[in-house]
Amino acid sequence: MLKSFFKTHDYLIERVQVPLRRQLMDEINWDDRLIAIKGGRGVGKTDFLLTRAKELRAMELEEDAKKRLRKGSVPKRRSLYINFDNFFFTEHSLMEVARAFYKQGGRTLLLDQTFKYPNWSRELRKCYDRFHDMKIIFSASPVMRLVEDNKDIANIVHMYNLRGLSFREYINLRTGLNLKSYTLEQVLRNHASISRELCEIVHPLNYLRDYIKHGYYPAHLKAPSFEEALLKTLNMMLDVDVLMIKQIDVACLHKLRKLLYIMLRETPCALNISSISDEIELSRATTMNYIKYLKDARLLNLLYMQGKQFPSKPLKVYIQNTNIQHMISERELSDQDVYETFFYACLHGSHKVNATERNAMFVVDNMYYFDVRCDKPTRDVIRPTAIGDIELGLGNSIPLWLFGFLY
């Protein structure tokens, strides 16, 4: 039973080409027994799992080489990548595979396309309870509510978020450099010295425009047409991540697509639910739910006032990242809109970003108040301001590009 899985495993890890090691790889506690890697389509979840599988295989071969020198022992396969797209699972269970794998010495399962397996959380829990020294790492769609909707694993799963490439990672990929990330506190305190040191190595503004248009999705960087590849990804997000996982009637797909088009056409913008509901011919409540689904699928970011959250109406809506923002050719985007979207996308993954009643655009972690501007101001600004067209920081004027170094 396992022979074909091992053959596929070997084929895939031999051919996976990941020129950039993602920072998340070093942030995960690999000793945890049940690990979920959540991320939107196109951010590289499959390559991430295969990279880990390749590393585990290298460690296995190194250990076996040492053992054979001492004992002449027979090598065992201790890690296995499985994709639930395999038709094998229409008649067989994960437990069958896990049991056979465990008996042969297997200790790490890496599972992809998990949502396609019926009752996946219940089966993961059975494997977790039955095989006490086996580790399971699985990919998850961002619309899957792993804890809220899956009580089987709620108290045992450790979740990590794989985002698209940061601006820092994109520069490293393009240049072969190994520039490090910085915390938000480091950027706030030391942005002048940090930006000066980095600019002695590389000129980030030379890469910012390219990143804004097509640097976020590593899966599409080598595609013949980035735009066509991203368009297919966006449609998969709607067809599968929203429609299938949220179990929405397929007849509503057109309304979801139209809603996304409206968001592409208008955002960043205040949310006029009545107007949008009329345009897509849905109730206000359903329209708000659909907007939340687009947010969960990593297509939108919703900016709430401090202390507010869904189902309250957000103050403002942003496209999730600037690559998606450029997918509507008939719209002329302003630099201000692009830079605000970039700033929000850089921060929201690890920080709480809100609107505020104070005279500032954003408040981060209920502590730091920020503005975002295109051009360098003629005089000192009174609060931290991310400025798009400067390379070096000074005072409260922080280069916008430096927020792309937060991960």
Protein backbone atom coordinates (compact mmCIF):
# COMPACT_ATOMS: atom_id res chain seq x y z
CA MET A 1 0.00 0.00 0.00
CA LEU A 2 2.77 2.45 0.90
CA LYS A 3 5.02 1.78 -2.08
CA SER A 4 3.23 4.20 -4.43
CA PHE A 5 3.12 6.88 -1.72
CA PHE A 6 6.87 6.57 -1.14
CA LYS A 7 7.48 6.74 -4.90
CA THR A 8 5.46 9.94 -5.18
CA HIS A 9 7.13 11.35 -2.07
CA ASP A 10 10.61 10.76 -3.51
CA TYR A 11 9.65 12.19 -6.91
CA LEU A 12 8.24 15.39 -5.40
CA ILE A 13 11.00 16.16 -2.91
CA GLU A 14 13.64 15.52 -5.56
CA ARG A 15 12.06 18.09 -7.86
CA VAL A 16 10.91 20.75 -5.43
CA GLN A 17 12.95 23.87 -6.08
CA VAL A 18 12.63 26.48 -3.36
CA PRO A 19 15.36 29.11 -3.82
CA LEU A 20 14.31 30.93 -0.65
CA ARG A 21 13.96 29.43 2.81
CA ARG A 22 10.83 30.91 4.37
CA GLN A 23 11.32 32.49 7.78
CA LEU A 24 8.34 30.57 9.17
CA MET A 25 10.35 27.36 8.78
CA ASP A 26 12.55 28.45 11.69
CA GLU A 27 9.69 29.79 13.83
CA ILE A 28 7.75 26.53 14.09
CA ASN A 29 8.27 24.25 17.05
CA TRP A 30 8.70 21.00 15.12
CA ASP A 31 8.46 19.00 18.36
CA ASP A 32 4.70 19.64 18.49
CA ARG A 33 2.73 16.59 17.42
CA LEU A 34 -0.06 18.28 15.44
CA ILE A 35 0.85 21.33 13.36
CA ALA A 36 -1.41 23.24 10.97
CA ILE A 37 0.06 25.45 8.24
CA LYS A 38 -2.66 27.90 7.22
CA GLY A 39 -2.28 30.11 4.18
CA GLY A 40 -4.03 31.46 1.13
CA ARG A 41 -3.66 29.97 -2.31
CA GLY A 42 -0.44 30.79 -4.10
CA VAL A 43 1.62 31.54 -0.96
CA GLY A 44 3.48 28.21 -1.20
CA LYS A 45 1.92 25.79 1.31
CA THR A 46 2.68 22.72 -0.80
CA ASP A 47 6.29 23.77 -1.43
CA PHE A 48 6.58 24.52 2.29
CA LEU A 49 5.49 20.98 3.22
CA LEU A 50 7.74 19.46 0.56
CA THR A 51 10.70 21.54 1.76
CA ARG A 52 10.16 20.22 5.27
CA ALA A 53 9.82 16.69 3.88
CA LYS A 54 13.09 17.15 2.00
CA GLU A 55 14.85 18.34 5.14
CA LEU A 56 13.51 15.39 7.12
CA ARG A 57 14.67 12.97 4.41
CA ALA A 58 18.15 14.49 4.48
CA MET A 59 18.26 14.06 8.27
CA GLU A 60 17.10 10.45 7.92
CA LEU A 61 19.82 9.64 5.39
CA GLU A 62 22.46 11.26 7.59
CA GLU A 63 21.32 9.28 10.63
CA ASP A 64 21.16 6.04 8.64
CA ALA A 65 24.64 6.60 7.28
CA LYS A 66 25.99 6.83 10.83
CA LYS A 67 24.05 3.75 11.95
CA ARG A 68 25.23 1.66 9.03
CA LEU A 69 28.81 2.54 9.85
CA ARG A 70 28.26 1.12 13.32
CA LYS A 71 25.68 -1.63 12.85
CA GLY A 72 24.96 -2.13 9.16
CA SER A 73 21.27 -1.43 9.91
CA VAL A 74 18.58 -1.24 7.23
CA PRO A 75 17.33 2.34 6.65
CA LYS A 76 13.69 3.10 7.47
CA ARG A 77 11.34 5.68 6.00
CA ARG A 78 10.34 7.94 8.86
CA SER A 79 8.58 10.77 6.98
CA LEU A 80 5.93 10.75 4.27
CA TYR A 81 4.17 13.47 2.25
CA ILE A 82 0.56 12.68 1.24
CA ASN A 83 -1.81 14.70 -0.92
CA PHE A 84 -5.51 14.02 -0.35
CA ASP A 85 -6.13 14.64 -4.05
CA ASN A 86 -5.14 10.97 -4.40
CA PHE A 87 -8.15 8.85 -5.43
CA PHE A 88 -6.90 6.17 -3.04
CA PHE A 89 -8.74 7.99 -0.27
CA THR A 90 -12.12 7.52 -1.91
CA GLU A 91 -12.07 3.92 -0.58
CA HIS A 92 -9.38 3.93 2.10
CA SER A 93 -8.83 5.89 5.27
CA LEU A 94 -5.99 7.98 6.59
CA MET A 95 -5.90 5.67 9.61
CA GLU A 96 -5.08 2.70 7.36
CA VAL A 97 -2.14 4.55 5.84
CA ALA A 98 -0.96 5.92 9.19
CA ARG A 99 -1.09 2.46 10.81
CA ALA A 100 0.90 0.82 8.00
CA PHE A 101 3.39 3.69 7.95
CA TYR A 102 3.84 3.60 11.72
CA LYS A 103 4.47 -0.16 11.72
CA GLN A 104 7.28 0.38 9.21
CA GLY A 105 8.93 2.97 11.44
CA GLY A 106 7.19 6.11 10.15
CA ARG A 107 7.08 9.01 12.57
CA THR A 108 6.11 12.15 10.56
CA LEU A 109 3.15 12.56 8.20
CA LEU A 110 2.86 15.68 6.04
CA LEU A 111 -0.69 16.05 4.72
CA ASP A 112 -1.77 18.37 1.91
CA GLN A 113 -5.25 19.41 0.69
CA THR A 114 -6.65 18.27 4.02
CA PHE A 115 -10.08 19.81 3.51
CA LYS A 116 -10.77 17.30 0.71
CA TYR A 117 -10.74 14.40 3.16
CA PRO A 118 -14.14 13.75 4.80
CA ASN A 119 -14.17 14.10 8.59
CA TRP A 120 -10.54 15.07 8.46
CA SER A 121 -10.35 16.48 12.00
CA ARG A 122 -11.85 13.35 13.54
CA GLU A 123 -9.37 11.17 11.65
CA LEU A 124 -6.44 13.36 12.67
CA ARG A 125 -7.52 13.02 16.29
CA LYS A 126 -7.66 9.21 15.99
CA CYS A 127 -4.13 9.15 14.58
CA TYR A 128 -2.93 11.54 17.27
CA ASP A 129 -4.37 9.36 20.05
CA ARG A 130 -3.34 6.01 18.56
CA PHE A 131 0.27 6.76 17.58
CA HIS A 132 1.78 8.63 20.49
CA ASP A 133 5.17 9.41 18.98
CA MET A 134 3.96 10.31 15.49
CA LYS A 135 3.93 13.93 14.33
CA ILE A 136 1.37 15.22 11.84
CA ILE A 137 1.85 18.41 9.83
CA PHE A 138 -1.05 19.47 7.59
CA SER A 139 -1.94 22.36 5.32
CA ALA A 140 -5.18 24.25 5.83
CA SER A 141 -7.20 26.75 3.85
CA PRO A 142 -7.53 30.13 5.58
CA VAL A 143 -11.34 29.82 5.57
CA MET A 144 -11.16 26.66 7.70
CA ARG A 145 -12.02 27.47 11.32
CA LEU A 146 -9.70 24.87 12.81
CA VAL A 147 -10.50 25.50 16.45
CA GLU A 148 -14.03 26.88 16.36
CA ASP A 149 -15.53 24.22 14.06
CA ASN A 150 -13.33 21.22 14.88
CA LYS A 151 -13.53 20.38 18.56
CA ASP A 152 -11.70 17.09 17.92
CA ILE A 153 -8.40 18.91 17.56
CA ALA A 154 -9.10 22.29 19.20
CA ASN A 155 -6.96 21.61 22.27
CA ILE A 156 -4.05 19.89 20.53
CA VAL A 157 -3.41 21.67 17.23
CA HIS A 158 -0.69 24.31 16.90
CA MET A 159 -1.48 26.75 14.09
CA TYR A 160 0.97 28.78 12.02
CA ASN A 161 0.21 31.29 9.30
CA LEU A 162 2.16 31.13 6.05
CA ARG A 163 1.82 34.46 4.27
CA GLY A 164 2.99 35.49 0.84
CA LEU A 165 6.52 36.75 0.38
CA SER A 166 7.38 39.78 2.44
CA PHE A 167 9.22 42.60 0.71
CA ARG A 168 12.35 41.48 2.56
CA GLU A 169 11.97 37.91 1.30
CA TYR A 170 11.36 39.18 -2.22
CA ILE A 171 14.58 41.22 -2.17
CA ASN A 172 16.49 38.21 -0.82
CA LEU A 173 15.04 36.08 -3.62
CA ARG A 174 15.96 38.60 -6.31
CA THR A 175 19.46 39.37 -5.03
CA GLY A 176 20.64 36.24 -3.24
CA LEU A 177 21.15 38.27 -0.07
CA ASN A 178 20.16 37.12 3.42
CA LEU A 179 18.74 40.30 4.90
CA LYS A 180 17.16 39.78 8.32
CA SER A 181 13.76 40.85 9.59
CA TYR A 182 13.06 43.43 12.30
CA THR A 183 10.36 43.83 14.93
CA LEU A 184 7.98 46.75 14.79
CA GLU A 185 9.58 48.15 17.96
CA GLN A 186 13.03 48.02 16.32
CA VAL A 187 11.71 49.83 13.26
CA LEU A 188 10.12 52.54 15.39
CA ARG A 189 13.20 53.08 17.55
CA ASN A 190 15.98 52.62 15.02
CA HIS A 191 14.54 53.10 11.53
CA ALA A 192 17.10 55.75 10.58
CA SER A 193 20.11 53.56 11.33
CA ILE A 194 18.46 50.39 10.01
CA SER A 195 17.49 51.99 6.69
CA ARG A 196 20.97 53.50 6.33
CA GLU A 197 22.68 50.15 6.97
CA LEU A 198 20.39 48.32 4.54
CA CYS A 199 20.82 50.93 1.83
CA GLU A 200 24.57 50.43 1.97
CA ILE A 201 23.89 46.84 0.84
CA VAL A 202 20.90 47.22 -1.50
CA HIS A 203 18.57 49.96 -2.73
CA PRO A 204 15.08 48.76 -1.73
CA LEU A 205 13.21 51.34 -3.81
CA ASN A 206 14.66 49.68 -6.93
CA TYR A 207 12.52 46.61 -6.08
CA LEU A 208 9.44 48.11 -4.46
CA ARG A 209 7.39 48.74 -7.62
CA ASP A 210 7.99 45.21 -8.91
CA TYR A 211 7.06 43.72 -5.54
CA ILE A 212 3.88 45.76 -5.35
CA LYS A 213 2.74 44.41 -8.72
CA HIS A 214 3.94 40.81 -8.63
CA GLY A 215 6.07 39.91 -5.64
CA TYR A 216 3.69 38.51 -3.04
CA TYR A 217 2.84 35.08 -4.50
CA PRO A 218 5.92 32.83 -4.78
CA ALA A 219 3.95 30.17 -6.65
CA HIS A 220 3.52 32.50 -9.63
CA LEU A 221 6.87 34.28 -9.91
CA LYS A 222 8.09 31.96 -12.67
CA ALA A 223 4.75 31.67 -14.47
CA PRO A 224 4.74 32.72 -18.15
CA SER A 225 2.10 35.29 -17.20
CA PHE A 226 1.91 36.34 -13.56
CA GLU A 227 -1.46 38.00 -14.13
CA GLU A 228 -3.03 34.90 -15.68
CA ALA A 229 -1.65 32.67 -12.91
CA LEU A 230 -2.98 35.00 -10.23
CA LEU A 231 -6.36 35.22 -11.97
CA LYS A 232 -6.65 31.43 -11.81
CA THR A 233 -5.71 31.54 -8.13
CA LEU A 234 -8.35 34.16 -7.39
CA ASN A 235 -10.97 32.03 -9.08
CA MET A 236 -9.85 28.98 -7.10
CA MET A 237 -10.17 31.00 -3.91
CA LEU A 238 -13.79 31.71 -4.80
CA ASP A 239 -14.66 28.30 -6.29
CA VAL A 240 -13.04 26.16 -3.59
CA ASP A 241 -11.98 28.13 -0.53
CA VAL A 242 -15.24 30.06 -0.31
CA LEU A 243 -17.88 28.16 -2.26
CA MET A 244 -16.92 24.57 -1.42
CA ILE A 245 -15.59 24.87 2.13
CA LYS A 246 -18.29 27.32 3.23
CA GLN A 247 -20.87 25.18 1.39
CA ILE A 248 -22.42 28.04 -0.56
CA ASP A 249 -24.80 27.27 -3.42
CA VAL A 250 -22.90 27.32 -6.72
CA ALA A 251 -25.62 29.56 -8.12
CA CYS A 252 -24.21 32.32 -5.88
CA LEU A 253 -20.74 32.17 -7.45
CA HIS A 254 -21.58 34.96 -9.88
CA LYS A 255 -22.59 37.22 -6.97
CA LEU A 256 -19.35 36.45 -5.15
CA ARG A 257 -17.35 37.29 -8.26
CA LYS A 258 -19.27 40.51 -8.72
CA LEU A 259 -18.71 41.43 -5.08
CA LEU A 260 -14.97 40.91 -5.46
CA TYR A 261 -15.01 43.00 -8.64
CA ILE A 262 -16.73 45.84 -6.79
CA MET A 263 -14.09 45.64 -4.07
CA LEU A 264 -11.31 45.71 -6.68
CA ARG A 265 -12.96 48.68 -8.32
CA GLU A 266 -13.52 50.73 -5.16
CA THR A 267 -11.12 49.84 -2.35
CA PRO A 268 -9.67 51.30 -0.21
CA CYS A 269 -13.07 52.70 0.65
CA ALA A 270 -15.71 53.07 3.31
CA LEU A 271 -18.22 50.23 3.13
CA ASN A 272 -21.67 51.16 1.80
CA ILE A 273 -23.52 47.93 2.46
CA SER A 274 -26.85 49.19 1.14
CA SER A 275 -25.37 50.21 -2.20
CA ILE A 276 -23.38 46.98 -2.60
CA SER A 277 -26.36 44.82 -1.58
CA ASP A 278 -28.50 46.50 -4.24
CA GLU A 279 -25.81 46.05 -6.89
CA ILE A 280 -25.35 42.32 -6.29
CA GLU A 281 -29.01 41.74 -5.38
CA LEU A 282 -28.50 40.21 -1.93
CA SER A 283 -29.68 41.11 1.54
CA ARG A 284 -27.48 43.28 3.73
CA ALA A 285 -26.83 40.37 6.11
CA THR A 286 -25.81 38.01 3.30
CA THR A 287 -23.62 40.68 1.74
CA MET A 288 -21.80 41.17 5.05
CA ASN A 289 -21.30 37.40 5.35
CA TYR A 290 -19.88 37.25 1.83
CA ILE A 291 -17.50 40.11 2.62
CA LYS A 292 -16.35 38.16 5.68
CA TYR A 293 -15.80 35.07 3.51
CA LEU A 294 -13.64 37.11 1.12
CA LYS A 295 -11.69 38.36 4.11
CA ASP A 296 -11.22 34.82 5.45
CA ALA A 297 -10.00 33.67 2.02
CA ARG A 298 -7.25 36.34 2.16
CA LEU A 299 -8.83 38.50 -0.52
CA LEU A 300 -9.85 41.47 1.64
CA ASN A 301 -8.69 43.21 4.80
CA LEU A 302 -11.33 44.86 6.98
CA LEU A 303 -10.36 47.89 9.03
CA TYR A 304 -12.43 48.29 12.20
CA MET A 305 -12.51 51.02 14.78
CA GLN A 306 -10.84 50.08 18.05
CA GLY A 307 -13.05 47.73 20.04
CA LYS A 308 -15.18 46.75 17.02
CA GLN A 309 -15.17 43.51 15.01
CA PHE A 310 -17.41 41.41 12.79
CA PRO A 311 -20.45 41.43 12.54
CA SER A 312 -20.11 45.20 13.00
CA LYS A 313 -19.55 47.11 9.78
CA PRO A 314 -15.87 47.92 9.19
CA LEU A 315 -14.89 51.54 8.78
CA LYS A 316 -12.88 50.79 5.66
CA VAL A 317 -12.09 47.90 3.31
CA TYR A 318 -8.75 47.13 1.67
CA ILE A 319 -7.69 44.53 -0.86
CA GLN A 320 -5.56 41.95 0.98
CA ASN A 321 -2.35 42.73 -0.91
CA THR A 322 -1.14 45.00 -3.67
CA ASN A 323 -0.73 42.19 -6.23
CA ILE A 324 -4.48 41.55 -6.17
CA GLN A 325 -5.08 45.30 -6.13
CA HIS A 326 -3.48 45.55 -9.59
CA MET A 327 -5.71 42.89 -11.14
CA ILE A 328 -8.29 45.32 -12.52
CA SER A 329 -6.70 47.01 -15.51
CA GLU A 330 -9.37 49.64 -16.12
CA ARG A 331 -8.73 51.34 -12.78
CA GLU A 332 -6.08 53.99 -12.25
CA LEU A 333 -4.63 53.34 -8.79
CA SER A 334 -3.27 56.25 -6.80
CA ASP A 335 0.05 55.88 -4.98
CA GLN A 336 -1.75 56.73 -1.74
CA ASP A 337 -4.16 53.81 -2.14
CA VAL A 338 -1.31 51.43 -3.00
CA TYR A 339 0.89 52.55 -0.12
CA GLU A 340 -1.92 52.26 2.45
CA THR A 341 -2.68 48.76 1.19
CA PHE A 342 1.00 47.80 1.38
CA PHE A 343 1.30 49.16 4.94
CA TYR A 344 -1.79 47.32 6.16
CA ALA A 345 -0.73 44.06 4.48
CA CYS A 346 2.73 44.22 6.10
CA LEU A 347 1.35 44.69 9.59
CA HIS A 348 -1.94 42.86 9.94
CA GLY A 349 -0.53 39.32 9.98
CA SER A 350 1.33 39.79 13.27
CA HIS A 351 -0.25 42.93 14.69
CA LYS A 352 -3.70 44.26 15.44
CA VAL A 353 -4.47 47.12 13.04
CA ASN A 354 -7.43 49.42 13.64
CA ALA A 355 -8.85 52.77 12.69
CA THR A 356 -8.90 55.37 15.42
CA GLU A 357 -10.89 58.40 16.43
CA ARG A 358 -7.64 60.31 16.83
CA ASN A 359 -6.29 62.27 13.90
CA ALA A 360 -4.31 59.33 12.48
CA MET A 361 -4.92 56.73 9.77
CA PHE A 362 -4.09 53.62 11.78
CA VAL A 363 -3.47 52.50 15.33
CA VAL A 364 -1.39 49.34 15.75
CA ASP A 365 -1.71 47.09 18.81
CA ASN A 366 -3.71 49.87 20.47
CA MET A 367 -0.39 51.64 21.08
CA TYR A 368 1.23 53.08 17.97
CA TYR A 369 -0.47 55.71 15.80
CA PHE A 370 0.57 55.90 12.15
CA ASP A 371 -0.02 57.92 9.03
CA VAL A 372 0.86 56.86 5.49
CA ARG A 373 2.00 59.40 2.88
CA CYS A 374 3.39 59.34 -0.63
CA ASP A 375 5.95 62.14 -0.51
CA LYS A 376 8.45 63.41 2.00
CA PRO A 377 6.86 66.18 4.11
CA THR A 378 8.31 69.69 4.02
CA ARG A 379 8.55 69.76 7.81
CA ASP A 380 8.76 67.29 10.69
CA VAL A 381 5.66 65.15 11.21
CA ILE A 382 4.18 64.80 14.69
CA ARG A 383 3.60 61.03 14.66
CA PRO A 384 5.29 58.03 12.98
CA THR A 385 4.55 58.28 9.26
CA ALA A 386 5.28 55.64 6.62
CA ILE A 387 6.44 57.52 3.52
CA GLY A 388 6.47 55.77 0.17
CA ASP A 389 9.09 57.66 -1.79
CA ILE A 390 11.97 57.98 0.67
CA GLU A 391 14.86 55.60 1.08
CA LEU A 392 16.24 56.77 4.44
CA GLY A 393 14.40 57.50 7.66
CA LEU A 394 14.62 60.66 9.74
CA GLY A 395 12.70 61.68 12.84
CA ASN A 396 9.13 60.43 12.54
CA SER A 397 9.48 59.93 8.77
CA ILE A 398 9.89 56.17 8.26
CA PRO A 399 10.52 54.61 4.83
CA LEU A 400 7.41 52.66 3.85
CA TRP A 401 9.54 49.85 2.40
CA LEU A 402 11.01 49.13 5.84
CA PHE A 403 7.63 47.81 7.06
CA GLY A 404 8.17 45.07 4.48
CA PHE A 405 10.97 43.79 6.73
CA LEU A 406 8.68 42.83 9.63
CA TYR A 407 8.75 39.15 8.57
